[in-house]
């Protein structure tokens, strides 16, 4: 409980350190890049405490690891926050405006996973292959979630450019740079999703469960949607709103795949 409380505190602190500066930029006020050290320190403390608070999910070998909808959501959010934060060390400056959203959702998921009791058990300790499959699935969803957030940022920058209301700031990336990162990340997500589908097919054949059919079908549909967007961009030079719609549809289908069956089981 206390680990979660302190983690939420440092997530909140990181959001408070960066949000005012982003609001100034959006308002057109001149500013310089944020002081990275206090912000990154707060974020890394929050992420480390968050991961530590989730350790019991993987160490309770008497009943199996507890993976409820809320706990999976919490795990996905901390992985997403980790990826987004580490990207800053590789000079991926297109993520600044997405960070408050990512950290806020992570805080919400952490609070819910701490306060809401869990009932759905998912045994992973006896099957290392299944453990790897679940880990890859969580990583894939995290990457695709960032793709969806990138699509929202693309729409915002594109609209601001058309309205000639985009303020000049070193923290606001060029539209072409955001678009390039968007498609690269979508390609990574598509590759990971391909691996997850192949791995899932093996486990589905090994241990059939009715709810796994829904996961497989909706994951495959998401794979088709992301693949169509990538091929359309590569062959037909799709850009703008069309690929944004595909990205949002893809993450929507993936969300149904990952959470739909668990929601039905927990109701």
C-alpha atoms as a PDB file:
ATOM      1  CA  UNK A   1       0.000   0.000   0.000  1.00  0.00           C
ATOM      2  CA  UNK A   2       2.692   2.509   0.996  1.00  0.00           C
ATOM      3  CA  UNK A   3       4.762   1.741  -2.091  1.00  0.00           C
ATOM      4  CA  UNK A   4       1.749   2.554  -4.258  1.00  0.00           C
ATOM      5  CA  UNK A   5       1.072   5.771  -2.341  1.00  0.00           C
ATOM      6  CA  UNK A   6       4.656   7.001  -2.753  1.00  0.00           C
ATOM      7  CA  UNK A   7       4.654   5.950  -6.414  1.00  0.00           C
ATOM      8  CA  UNK A   8       1.486   7.965  -7.056  1.00  0.00           C
ATOM      9  CA  UNK A   9       3.073  10.933  -5.256  1.00  0.00           C
ATOM     10  CA  UNK A  10       6.156  10.903  -7.511  1.00  0.00           C
ATOM     11  CA  UNK A  11       4.044  10.416 -10.656  1.00  0.00           C
ATOM     12  CA  UNK A  12       2.017  13.447  -9.602  1.00  0.00           C
ATOM     13  CA  UNK A  13       5.188  15.402  -8.893  1.00  0.00           C
ATOM     14  CA  UNK A  14       6.551  14.619 -12.376  1.00  0.00           C
ATOM     15  CA  UNK A  15       3.292  15.779 -13.976  1.00  0.00           C
ATOM     16  CA  UNK A  16       3.372  19.008 -11.934  1.00  0.00           C
ATOM     17  CA  UNK A  17       6.976  19.632 -13.012  1.00  0.00           C
ATOM     18  CA  UNK A  18       6.267  19.404 -16.734  1.00  0.00           C
ATOM     19  CA  UNK A  19       2.629  20.421 -17.271  1.00  0.00           C
ATOM     20  CA  UNK A  20       2.957  24.179 -16.528  1.00  0.00           C
ATOM     21  CA  UNK A  21       5.716  24.503 -19.102  1.00  0.00           C
ATOM     22  CA  UNK A  22       3.714  22.623 -21.731  1.00  0.00           C
ATOM     23  CA  UNK A  23       0.724  24.868 -21.074  1.00  0.00           C
ATOM     24  CA  UNK A  24       2.906  27.941 -21.582  1.00  0.00           C
ATOM     25  CA  UNK A  25       4.086  26.553 -24.907  1.00  0.00           C
ATOM     26  CA  UNK A  26       0.535  25.834 -26.034  1.00  0.00           C
ATOM     27  CA  UNK A  27      -0.418  29.390 -25.085  1.00  0.00           C
ATOM     28  CA  UNK A  28       2.401  30.712 -27.252  1.00  0.00           C
ATOM     29  CA  UNK A  29       4.568  32.021 -24.420  1.00  0.00           C
ATOM     30  CA  UNK A  30       8.345  31.760 -24.997  1.00  0.00           C
ATOM     31  CA  UNK A  31      10.059  29.113 -22.919  1.00  0.00           C
ATOM     32  CA  UNK A  32      13.093  26.856 -22.917  1.00  0.00           C
ATOM     33  CA  UNK A  33      13.293  23.068 -22.621  1.00  0.00           C
ATOM     34  CA  UNK A  34      12.439  21.831 -19.117  1.00  0.00           C
ATOM     35  CA  UNK A  35      15.001  21.030 -16.467  1.00  0.00           C
ATOM     36  CA  UNK A  36      15.241  17.314 -17.101  1.00  0.00           C
ATOM     37  CA  UNK A  37      16.950  16.174 -13.892  1.00  0.00           C
ATOM     38  CA  UNK A  38      14.183  16.841 -11.278  1.00  0.00           C
ATOM     39  CA  UNK A  39      11.538  15.603 -13.688  1.00  0.00           C
ATOM     40  CA  UNK A  40      13.383  12.402 -14.646  1.00  0.00           C
ATOM     41  CA  UNK A  41      14.347  11.717 -11.023  1.00  0.00           C
ATOM     42  CA  UNK A  42      10.720  11.912  -9.917  1.00  0.00           C
ATOM     43  CA  UNK A  43       9.566   9.708 -12.806  1.00  0.00           C
ATOM     44  CA  UNK A  44      12.170   6.999 -12.253  1.00  0.00           C
ATOM     45  CA  UNK A  45      11.415   6.843  -8.524  1.00  0.00           C
ATOM     46  CA  UNK A  46       7.704   6.520  -9.360  1.00  0.00           C
ATOM     47  CA  UNK A  47       8.328   3.776 -11.932  1.00  0.00           C
ATOM     48  CA  UNK A  48      10.671   1.793  -9.662  1.00  0.00           C
ATOM     49  CA  UNK A  49       8.210   1.948  -6.755  1.00  0.00           C
ATOM     50  CA  UNK A  50       5.389   0.972  -9.121  1.00  0.00           C
ATOM     51  CA  UNK A  51       7.267  -2.105 -10.338  1.00  0.00           C
ATOM     52  CA  UNK A  52       8.147  -3.085  -6.757  1.00  0.00           C
ATOM     53  CA  UNK A  53       4.481  -2.803  -5.754  1.00  0.00           C
ATOM     54  CA  UNK A  54       3.618  -5.293  -8.528  1.00  0.00           C
ATOM     55  CA  UNK A  55       6.190  -7.900  -7.448  1.00  0.00           C
ATOM     56  CA  UNK A  56       3.617  -9.897  -5.381  1.00  0.00           C
ATOM     57  CA  UNK A  57       1.778 -10.640  -8.635  1.00  0.00           C
ATOM     58  CA  UNK A  58       4.759 -12.729  -9.741  1.00  0.00           C
ATOM     59  CA  UNK A  59       5.845 -14.260  -6.433  1.00  0.00           C
ATOM     60  CA  UNK A  60       2.656 -15.677  -4.939  1.00  0.00           C
ATOM     61  CA  UNK A  61       3.287 -19.272  -5.969  1.00  0.00           C
ATOM     62  CA  UNK A  62       0.646 -20.775  -3.680  1.00  0.00           C
ATOM     63  CA  UNK A  63      -2.337 -19.526  -5.671  1.00  0.00           C
ATOM     64  CA  UNK A  64      -0.746 -18.342  -8.880  1.00  0.00           C
ATOM     65  CA  UNK A  65      -0.118 -14.788  -9.951  1.00  0.00           C
ATOM     66  CA  UNK A  66      -3.114 -12.461  -9.591  1.00  0.00           C
ATOM     67  CA  UNK A  67      -3.842 -10.881 -12.945  1.00  0.00           C
ATOM     68  CA  UNK A  68      -7.141  -9.046 -12.824  1.00  0.00           C
ATOM     69  CA  UNK A  69      -8.267  -6.484 -15.390  1.00  0.00           C
ATOM     70  CA  UNK A  70      -7.122  -3.645 -13.156  1.00  0.00           C
ATOM     71  CA  UNK A  71      -3.761  -5.243 -12.408  1.00  0.00           C
ATOM     72  CA  UNK A  72      -3.056  -5.935 -16.071  1.00  0.00           C
ATOM     73  CA  UNK A  73      -4.003  -2.338 -16.819  1.00  0.00           C
ATOM     74  CA  UNK A  74      -1.601  -1.172 -14.104  1.00  0.00           C
ATOM     75  CA  UNK A  75       1.190  -3.358 -15.486  1.00  0.00           C
ATOM     76  CA  UNK A  76       0.612  -2.122 -19.033  1.00  0.00           C
ATOM     77  CA  UNK A  77       0.592   1.504 -17.890  1.00  0.00           C
ATOM     78  CA  UNK A  78       3.913   1.223 -16.024  1.00  0.00           C
ATOM     79  CA  UNK A  79       5.508  -0.468 -19.054  1.00  0.00           C
ATOM     80  CA  UNK A  80       4.170   2.330 -21.254  1.00  0.00           C
ATOM     81  CA  UNK A  81       5.504   4.958 -18.841  1.00  0.00           C
ATOM     82  CA  UNK A  82       8.908   3.243 -18.817  1.00  0.00           C
ATOM     83  CA  UNK A  83       9.135   3.117 -22.618  1.00  0.00           C
ATOM     84  CA  UNK A  84       8.080   6.759 -22.967  1.00  0.00           C
ATOM     85  CA  UNK A  85      10.563   7.914 -20.315  1.00  0.00           C
ATOM     86  CA  UNK A  86      13.502   5.925 -21.673  1.00  0.00           C
ATOM     87  CA  UNK A  87      12.778   7.334 -25.147  1.00  0.00           C
ATOM     88  CA  UNK A  88      13.817  10.773 -23.849  1.00  0.00           C
ATOM     89  CA  UNK A  89      17.380   9.480 -23.398  1.00  0.00           C
ATOM     90  CA  UNK A  90      17.454   8.704 -27.129  1.00  0.00           C
ATOM     91  CA  UNK A  91      16.505  12.297 -27.969  1.00  0.00           C
ATOM     92  CA  UNK A  92      12.927  11.386 -28.892  1.00  0.00           C
ATOM     93  CA  UNK A  93      11.557  14.860 -28.178  1.00  0.00           C
ATOM     94  CA  UNK A  94       8.227  14.130 -29.865  1.00  0.00           C
ATOM     95  CA  UNK A  95       6.906  12.636 -26.613  1.00  0.00           C
ATOM     96  CA  UNK A  96       6.926  15.673 -24.310  1.00  0.00           C
ATOM     97  CA  UNK A  97       3.259  16.532 -24.811  1.00  0.00           C
ATOM     98  CA  UNK A  98       2.202  12.906 -24.329  1.00  0.00           C
ATOM     99  CA  UNK A  99       3.973  12.380 -21.000  1.00  0.00           C
ATOM    100  CA  UNK A 100       1.369  14.033 -18.710  1.00  0.00           C
ATOM    101  CA  UNK A 101      -1.332  11.846 -20.300  1.00  0.00           C
ATOM    102  CA  UNK A 102       0.739   8.683 -19.895  1.00  0.00           C
ATOM    103  CA  UNK A 103       1.657   9.403 -16.276  1.00  0.00           C
ATOM    104  CA  UNK A 104      -1.894  10.427 -15.357  1.00  0.00           C
ATOM    105  CA  UNK A 105      -3.334   7.170 -16.685  1.00  0.00           C
ATOM    106  CA  UNK A 106      -0.589   5.282 -14.864  1.00  0.00           C
ATOM    107  CA  UNK A 107      -1.549   6.980 -11.586  1.00  0.00           C
ATOM    108  CA  UNK A 108      -5.218   6.135 -12.076  1.00  0.00           C
ATOM    109  CA  UNK A 109      -4.445   2.492 -12.837  1.00  0.00           C
ATOM    110  CA  UNK A 110      -2.122   2.233  -9.836  1.00  0.00           C
ATOM    111  CA  UNK A 111      -4.741   3.662  -7.482  1.00  0.00           C
ATOM    112  CA  UNK A 112      -7.428   1.318  -8.823  1.00  0.00           C
ATOM    113  CA  UNK A 113      -5.165  -1.758  -8.651  1.00  0.00           C
ATOM    114  CA  UNK A 114      -4.354  -0.905  -5.029  1.00  0.00           C
ATOM    115  CA  UNK A 115      -7.885  -0.203  -3.808  1.00  0.00           C
ATOM    116  CA  UNK A 116     -10.022  -2.646  -5.812  1.00  0.00           C
ATOM    117  CA  UNK A 117      -9.922  -6.309  -4.690  1.00  0.00           C
ATOM    118  CA  UNK A 118      -8.984  -8.935  -7.286  1.00  0.00           C
ATOM    119  CA  UNK A 119     -10.666 -12.242  -8.079  1.00  0.00           C
ATOM    120  CA  UNK A 120      -9.390 -13.525 -11.408  1.00  0.00           C
ATOM    121  CA  UNK A 121      -6.319 -15.820 -11.136  1.00  0.00           C
ATOM    122  CA  UNK A 122      -3.973 -16.383 -14.022  1.00  0.00           C
ATOM    123  CA  UNK A 123      -1.352 -19.072 -13.411  1.00  0.00           C
ATOM    124  CA  UNK A 124       1.975 -18.360 -14.998  1.00  0.00           C
ATOM    125  CA  UNK A 125       4.549 -19.800 -12.607  1.00  0.00           C
ATOM    126  CA  UNK A 126       4.421 -23.315 -14.051  1.00  0.00           C
ATOM    127  CA  UNK A 127       4.725 -22.306 -17.725  1.00  0.00           C
ATOM    128  CA  UNK A 128       7.669 -20.115 -18.714  1.00  0.00           C
ATOM    129  CA  UNK A 129       6.484 -20.051 -22.334  1.00  0.00           C
ATOM    130  CA  UNK A 130       3.134 -18.614 -21.282  1.00  0.00           C
ATOM    131  CA  UNK A 131       4.931 -16.123 -19.043  1.00  0.00           C
ATOM    132  CA  UNK A 132       6.977 -14.885 -22.024  1.00  0.00           C
ATOM    133  CA  UNK A 133       3.839 -14.735 -24.181  1.00  0.00           C
ATOM    134  CA  UNK A 134       2.015 -12.603 -21.606  1.00  0.00           C
ATOM    135  CA  UNK A 135       5.048 -10.343 -21.193  1.00  0.00           C
ATOM    136  CA  UNK A 136       5.282  -9.804 -24.954  1.00  0.00           C
ATOM    137  CA  UNK A 137       1.546  -9.138 -25.080  1.00  0.00           C
ATOM    138  CA  UNK A 138       1.835  -6.428 -22.432  1.00  0.00           C
ATOM    139  CA  UNK A 139       4.816  -4.873 -24.212  1.00  0.00           C
ATOM    140  CA  UNK A 140       2.920  -4.930 -27.520  1.00  0.00           C
ATOM    141  CA  UNK A 141      -0.116  -3.226 -26.037  1.00  0.00           C
ATOM    142  CA  UNK A 142       2.105  -0.575 -24.446  1.00  0.00           C
ATOM    143  CA  UNK A 143       3.813   0.190 -27.767  1.00  0.00           C
ATOM    144  CA  UNK A 144       0.493   0.340 -29.612  1.00  0.00           C
ATOM    145  CA  UNK A 145      -0.912   2.633 -26.906  1.00  0.00           C
ATOM    146  CA  UNK A 146       1.908   5.094 -27.558  1.00  0.00           C
ATOM    147  CA  UNK A 147       1.138   4.814 -31.292  1.00  0.00           C
ATOM    148  CA  UNK A 148      -2.453   5.862 -30.547  1.00  0.00           C
ATOM    149  CA  UNK A 149      -1.220   8.818 -28.463  1.00  0.00           C
ATOM    150  CA  UNK A 150       1.150   9.795 -31.279  1.00  0.00           C
ATOM    151  CA  UNK A 151      -1.828   9.850 -33.643  1.00  0.00           C
ATOM    152  CA  UNK A 152      -3.595  12.355 -31.377  1.00  0.00           C
ATOM    153  CA  UNK A 153      -0.473  14.499 -31.324  1.00  0.00           C
ATOM    154  CA  UNK A 154      -0.313  14.349 -35.129  1.00  0.00           C
ATOM    155  CA  UNK A 155      -3.864  15.665 -35.372  1.00  0.00           C
ATOM    156  CA  UNK A 156      -3.125  18.484 -32.897  1.00  0.00           C
ATOM    157  CA  UNK A 157       0.044  19.671 -34.670  1.00  0.00           C
ATOM    158  CA  UNK A 158      -1.550  19.372 -38.113  1.00  0.00           C
ATOM    159  CA  UNK A 159      -4.596  21.397 -37.029  1.00  0.00           C
ATOM    160  CA  UNK A 160      -2.426  24.022 -35.319  1.00  0.00           C
ATOM    161  CA  UNK A 161      -0.320  24.411 -38.478  1.00  0.00           C
ATOM    162  CA  UNK A 162      -3.387  24.805 -40.663  1.00  0.00           C
ATOM    163  CA  UNK A 163      -4.815  27.419 -38.282  1.00  0.00           C
ATOM    164  CA  UNK A 164      -1.382  29.098 -38.010  1.00  0.00           C
ATOM    165  CA  UNK A 165      -1.636  28.890 -34.238  1.00  0.00           C
ATOM    166  CA  UNK A 166       1.342  26.628 -33.492  1.00  0.00           C
ATOM    167  CA  UNK A 167       3.794  28.473 -31.193  1.00  0.00           C
ATOM    168  CA  UNK A 168       7.509  28.263 -31.865  1.00  0.00           C
ATOM    169  CA  UNK A 169       9.342  26.231 -29.230  1.00  0.00           C
ATOM    170  CA  UNK A 170      12.241  23.757 -29.235  1.00  0.00           C
ATOM    171  CA  UNK A 171       9.926  21.371 -27.359  1.00  0.00           C
ATOM    172  CA  UNK A 172       7.385  21.218 -30.189  1.00  0.00           C
ATOM    173  CA  UNK A 173       8.669  18.720 -32.770  1.00  0.00           C
ATOM    174  CA  UNK A 174       8.213  19.172 -36.530  1.00  0.00           C
ATOM    175  CA  UNK A 175       5.175  17.423 -37.971  1.00  0.00           C
ATOM    176  CA  UNK A 176       7.335  15.260 -40.248  1.00  0.00           C
ATOM    177  CA  UNK A 177       9.413  14.089 -37.271  1.00  0.00           C
ATOM    178  CA  UNK A 178       6.319  13.099 -35.300  1.00  0.00           C
ATOM    179  CA  UNK A 179       4.946  11.304 -38.342  1.00  0.00           C
ATOM    180  CA  UNK A 180       8.213   9.437 -38.878  1.00  0.00           C
ATOM    181  CA  UNK A 181       8.314   8.280 -35.241  1.00  0.00           C
ATOM    182  CA  UNK A 182       4.625   7.378 -35.472  1.00  0.00           C
ATOM    183  CA  UNK A 183       5.129   4.980 -38.391  1.00  0.00           C
ATOM    184  CA  UNK A 184       8.333   3.508 -36.965  1.00  0.00           C
ATOM    185  CA  UNK A 185       6.600   2.757 -33.694  1.00  0.00           C
ATOM    186  CA  UNK A 186       3.595   1.335 -35.535  1.00  0.00           C
ATOM    187  CA  UNK A 187       5.942  -0.992 -37.430  1.00  0.00           C
ATOM    188  CA  UNK A 188       7.547  -2.132 -34.156  1.00  0.00           C
ATOM    189  CA  UNK A 189       4.086  -2.727 -32.707  1.00  0.00           C
ATOM    190  CA  UNK A 190       3.061  -4.727 -35.783  1.00  0.00           C
ATOM    191  CA  UNK A 191       6.179  -6.924 -35.544  1.00  0.00           C
ATOM    192  CA  UNK A 192       5.582  -7.535 -31.827  1.00  0.00           C
ATOM    193  CA  UNK A 193       1.905  -8.285 -32.482  1.00  0.00           C
ATOM    194  CA  UNK A 194       2.916 -10.806 -35.162  1.00  0.00           C
ATOM    195  CA  UNK A 195       5.147 -12.603 -32.638  1.00  0.00           C
ATOM    196  CA  UNK A 196       2.369 -12.512 -30.036  1.00  0.00           C
ATOM    197  CA  UNK A 197      -0.141 -14.024 -32.493  1.00  0.00           C
ATOM    198  CA  UNK A 198       2.252 -16.837 -33.413  1.00  0.00           C
ATOM    199  CA  UNK A 199       3.008 -17.501 -29.743  1.00  0.00           C
ATOM    200  CA  UNK A 200      -0.692 -17.288 -28.867  1.00  0.00           C
ATOM    201  CA  UNK A 201      -1.579 -19.829 -31.563  1.00  0.00           C
ATOM    202  CA  UNK A 202       0.792 -22.317 -29.940  1.00  0.00           C
ATOM    203  CA  UNK A 203      -0.691 -21.819 -26.475  1.00  0.00           C
ATOM    204  CA  UNK A 204      -4.242 -21.880 -27.828  1.00  0.00           C
ATOM    205  CA  UNK A 205      -3.600 -25.264 -29.436  1.00  0.00           C
ATOM    206  CA  UNK A 206      -1.881 -26.509 -26.272  1.00  0.00           C
ATOM    207  CA  UNK A 207      -4.515 -25.406 -23.763  1.00  0.00           C
ATOM    208  CA  UNK A 208      -7.774 -24.340 -25.379  1.00  0.00           C
ATOM    209  CA  UNK A 209      -9.982 -21.886 -23.479  1.00  0.00           C
ATOM    210  CA  UNK A 210     -13.171 -20.310 -24.924  1.00  0.00           C
ATOM    211  CA  UNK A 211     -12.170 -16.760 -23.922  1.00  0.00           C
ATOM    212  CA  UNK A 212      -8.901 -17.142 -25.850  1.00  0.00           C
ATOM    213  CA  UNK A 213     -10.853 -17.271 -29.127  1.00  0.00           C
ATOM    214  CA  UNK A 214     -12.028 -13.683 -28.567  1.00  0.00           C
ATOM    215  CA  UNK A 215      -8.486 -12.558 -27.805  1.00  0.00           C
ATOM    216  CA  UNK A 216      -7.139 -14.235 -30.920  1.00  0.00           C
ATOM    217  CA  UNK A 217      -9.844 -12.872 -33.233  1.00  0.00           C
ATOM    218  CA  UNK A 218      -9.655  -9.258 -32.070  1.00  0.00           C
ATOM    219  CA  UNK A 219      -5.842  -9.341 -31.919  1.00  0.00           C
ATOM    220  CA  UNK A 220      -5.779 -10.617 -35.501  1.00  0.00           C
ATOM    221  CA  UNK A 221      -8.193  -7.855 -36.579  1.00  0.00           C
ATOM    222  CA  UNK A 222      -5.921  -5.271 -34.915  1.00  0.00           C
ATOM    223  CA  UNK A 223      -2.951  -6.837 -36.740  1.00  0.00           C
ATOM    224  CA  UNK A 224      -4.816  -6.429 -40.043  1.00  0.00           C
ATOM    225  CA  UNK A 225      -5.692  -2.804 -39.284  1.00  0.00           C
ATOM    226  CA  UNK A 226      -2.131  -1.804 -38.355  1.00  0.00           C
ATOM    227  CA  UNK A 227      -0.765  -3.761 -41.316  1.00  0.00           C
ATOM    228  CA  UNK A 228      -3.177  -2.047 -43.694  1.00  0.00           C
ATOM    229  CA  UNK A 229      -2.106   1.372 -42.407  1.00  0.00           C
ATOM    230  CA  UNK A 230       1.580   0.510 -42.838  1.00  0.00           C
ATOM    231  CA  UNK A 231       1.112  -0.881 -46.346  1.00  0.00           C
ATOM    232  CA  UNK A 232      -1.069   2.090 -47.282  1.00  0.00           C
ATOM    233  CA  UNK A 233       1.624   4.470 -46.107  1.00  0.00           C
ATOM    234  CA  UNK A 234       4.377   2.527 -47.860  1.00  0.00           C
ATOM    235  CA  UNK A 235       2.613   1.892 -51.177  1.00  0.00           C
ATOM    236  CA  UNK A 236      -0.064   4.600 -51.413  1.00  0.00           C
ATOM    237  CA  UNK A 237       1.629   7.287 -49.279  1.00  0.00           C
ATOM    238  CA  UNK A 238      -1.248   7.504 -46.822  1.00  0.00           C
ATOM    239  CA  UNK A 239      -0.841  10.292 -44.284  1.00  0.00           C
ATOM    240  CA  UNK A 240      -2.890  12.483 -41.976  1.00  0.00           C
ATOM    241  CA  UNK A 241      -6.333  11.603 -40.690  1.00  0.00           C
ATOM    242  CA  UNK A 242      -6.618   8.319 -42.573  1.00  0.00           C
ATOM    243  CA  UNK A 243      -3.719   6.657 -40.740  1.00  0.00           C
ATOM    244  CA  UNK A 244      -4.855   8.267 -37.469  1.00  0.00           C
ATOM    245  CA  UNK A 245      -8.237   6.549 -37.835  1.00  0.00           C
ATOM    246  CA  UNK A 246      -6.484   3.249 -38.462  1.00  0.00           C
ATOM    247  CA  UNK A 247      -4.276   3.692 -35.379  1.00  0.00           C
ATOM    248  CA  UNK A 248      -7.233   4.453 -33.110  1.00  0.00           C
ATOM    249  CA  UNK A 249      -9.252   1.557 -34.552  1.00  0.00           C
ATOM    250  CA  UNK A 250      -6.274  -0.764 -34.051  1.00  0.00           C
ATOM    251  CA  UNK A 251      -5.809   0.099 -30.376  1.00  0.00           C
ATOM    252  CA  UNK A 252      -9.581  -0.147 -29.857  1.00  0.00           C
ATOM    253  CA  UNK A 253      -9.618  -3.706 -31.226  1.00  0.00           C
ATOM    254  CA  UNK A 254      -6.533  -4.598 -29.208  1.00  0.00           C
ATOM    255  CA  UNK A 255      -8.180  -3.252 -26.053  1.00  0.00           C
ATOM    256  CA  UNK A 256     -11.210  -5.493 -26.646  1.00  0.00           C
ATOM    257  CA  UNK A 257      -8.847  -8.425 -27.190  1.00  0.00           C
ATOM    258  CA  UNK A 258      -6.860  -7.805 -24.016  1.00  0.00           C
ATOM    259  CA  UNK A 259      -9.613  -6.759 -21.622  1.00  0.00           C
ATOM    260  CA  UNK A 260     -12.942  -7.937 -23.072  1.00  0.00           C
ATOM    261  CA  UNK A 261     -12.794 -11.558 -21.929  1.00  0.00           C
ATOM    262  CA  UNK A 262     -11.471 -10.604 -18.489  1.00  0.00           C
ATOM    263  CA  UNK A 263     -14.242  -8.097 -17.968  1.00  0.00           C
ATOM    264  CA  UNK A 264     -16.839 -10.767 -18.778  1.00  0.00           C
ATOM    265  CA  UNK A 265     -15.180 -13.206 -16.399  1.00  0.00           C
ATOM    266  CA  UNK A 266     -15.077 -10.717 -13.530  1.00  0.00           C
ATOM    267  CA  UNK A 267     -18.674  -9.490 -13.888  1.00  0.00           C
END
